[in-house]
Amino acid sequence: MDLNERVRDIEIEMAQHDAQCEERWKTTFNRLMDIEDSIKSMESRLLVGAGSVILFLAGVIVTLLMG
């Protein structure tokens, strides 16, 4: 195998590697977006739950002070 053939083989291997890496990055990016969406959803639920607890405790305090 001469040098030119070896260079062509390496170029082909690099092109294949680039294509594989690009696909992996797309998959990783899509999974990251899904994870971010899940975290935002959990954060929203946590805020709603915390707000509910605060309102409940405020109601208990008002009831105790009035009664």
C-alpha atoms as a PDB file:
ATOM      1  CA  MET A   1       0.000   0.000   0.000  1.00  0.00           C
ATOM      2  CA  ASP A   2       1.527   3.271  -1.041  1.00  0.00           C
ATOM      3  CA  LEU A   3       1.221   6.578   0.757  1.00  0.00           C
ATOM      4  CA  ASN A   4      -1.581   7.944  -1.454  1.00  0.00           C
ATOM      5  CA  GLU A   5      -3.750   4.874  -0.831  1.00  0.00           C
ATOM      6  CA  ARG A   6      -3.139   5.131   2.897  1.00  0.00           C
ATOM      7  CA  VAL A   7      -4.085   8.828   2.858  1.00  0.00           C
ATOM      8  CA  ARG A   8      -7.305   8.021   0.962  1.00  0.00           C
ATOM      9  CA  ASP A   9      -8.140   5.260   3.450  1.00  0.00           C
ATOM     10  CA  ILE A  10      -7.593   7.636   6.353  1.00  0.00           C
ATOM     11  CA  GLU A  11      -9.761  10.281   4.674  1.00  0.00           C
ATOM     12  CA  ILE A  12     -12.567   7.730   4.268  1.00  0.00           C
ATOM     13  CA  GLU A  13     -12.216   6.620   7.887  1.00  0.00           C
ATOM     14  CA  MET A  14     -12.286  10.237   9.066  1.00  0.00           C
ATOM     15  CA  ALA A  15     -15.397  10.986   6.997  1.00  0.00           C
ATOM     16  CA  GLN A  16     -17.136   7.967   8.526  1.00  0.00           C
ATOM     17  CA  HIS A  17     -15.996   8.999  11.986  1.00  0.00           C
ATOM     18  CA  ASP A  18     -17.296  12.548  11.449  1.00  0.00           C
ATOM     19  CA  ALA A  19     -20.687  11.213  10.345  1.00  0.00           C
ATOM     20  CA  GLN A  20     -20.918   8.941  13.384  1.00  0.00           C
ATOM     21  CA  CYS A  21     -19.911  11.731  15.760  1.00  0.00           C
ATOM     22  CA  GLU A  22     -22.429  14.108  14.215  1.00  0.00           C
ATOM     23  CA  GLU A  23     -25.218  11.566  14.736  1.00  0.00           C
ATOM     24  CA  ARG A  24     -24.111  10.948  18.328  1.00  0.00           C
ATOM     25  CA  TRP A  25     -24.104  14.681  19.049  1.00  0.00           C
ATOM     26  CA  LYS A  26     -27.605  15.020  17.603  1.00  0.00           C
ATOM     27  CA  THR A  27     -28.802  12.162  19.814  1.00  0.00           C
ATOM     28  CA  THR A  28     -27.065  13.638  22.854  1.00  0.00           C
ATOM     29  CA  PHE A  29     -28.538  17.078  22.176  1.00  0.00           C
ATOM     30  CA  ASN A  30     -32.060  15.648  21.787  1.00  0.00           C
ATOM     31  CA  ARG A  31     -31.727  13.663  25.015  1.00  0.00           C
ATOM     32  CA  LEU A  32     -30.449  16.760  26.805  1.00  0.00           C
ATOM     33  CA  MET A  33     -33.469  18.739  25.603  1.00  0.00           C
ATOM     34  CA  ASP A  34     -35.771  15.977  26.899  1.00  0.00           C
ATOM     35  CA  ILE A  35     -33.997  16.047  30.270  1.00  0.00           C
ATOM     36  CA  GLU A  36     -34.329  19.839  30.459  1.00  0.00           C
ATOM     37  CA  ASP A  37     -38.049  19.579  29.709  1.00  0.00           C
ATOM     38  CA  SER A  38     -38.440  16.979  32.461  1.00  0.00           C
ATOM     39  CA  ILE A  39     -36.586  19.178  34.940  1.00  0.00           C
ATOM     40  CA  LYS A  40     -38.772  22.168  34.059  1.00  0.00           C
ATOM     41  CA  SER A  41     -41.866  20.039  34.594  1.00  0.00           C
ATOM     42  CA  MET A  42     -40.597  18.818  37.977  1.00  0.00           C
ATOM     43  CA  GLU A  43     -39.723  22.382  38.958  1.00  0.00           C
ATOM     44  CA  SER A  44     -43.244  23.541  38.108  1.00  0.00           C
ATOM     45  CA  ARG A  45     -44.777  20.746  40.173  1.00  0.00           C
ATOM     46  CA  LEU A  46     -42.462  21.544  43.072  1.00  0.00           C
ATOM     47  CA  LEU A  47     -43.455  25.217  43.000  1.00  0.00           C
ATOM     48  CA  VAL A  48     -47.157  24.333  42.918  1.00  0.00           C
ATOM     49  CA  GLY A  49     -46.690  21.900  45.808  1.00  0.00           C
ATOM     50  CA  ALA A  50     -44.691  24.392  47.863  1.00  0.00           C
ATOM     51  CA  GLY A  51     -47.272  27.103  47.209  1.00  0.00           C
ATOM     52  CA  SER A  52     -50.045  24.763  48.315  1.00  0.00           C
ATOM     53  CA  VAL A  53     -48.210  23.920  51.534  1.00  0.00           C
ATOM     54  CA  ILE A  54     -47.599  27.600  52.267  1.00  0.00           C
ATOM     55  CA  LEU A  55     -51.265  28.450  51.697  1.00  0.00           C
ATOM     56  CA  PHE A  56     -52.358  25.505  53.843  1.00  0.00           C
ATOM     57  CA  LEU A  57     -50.075  26.538  56.703  1.00  0.00           C
ATOM     58  CA  ALA A  58     -51.177  30.160  56.407  1.00  0.00           C
ATOM     59  CA  GLY A  59     -54.784  28.959  56.656  1.00  0.00           C
ATOM     60  CA  VAL A  60     -53.952  26.916  59.750  1.00  0.00           C
ATOM     61  CA  ILE A  61     -52.268  29.904  61.386  1.00  0.00           C
ATOM     62  CA  VAL A  62     -55.197  32.189  60.584  1.00  0.00           C
ATOM     63  CA  THR A  63     -57.624  29.583  61.952  1.00  0.00           C
ATOM     64  CA  LEU A  64     -55.619  29.241  65.168  1.00  0.00           C
ATOM     65  CA  LEU A  65     -55.417  33.000  65.627  1.00  0.00           C
ATOM     66  CA  MET A  66     -59.136  33.499  64.978  1.00  0.00           C
ATOM     67  CA  GLY A  67     -60.344  30.589  67.045  1.00  0.00           C
END
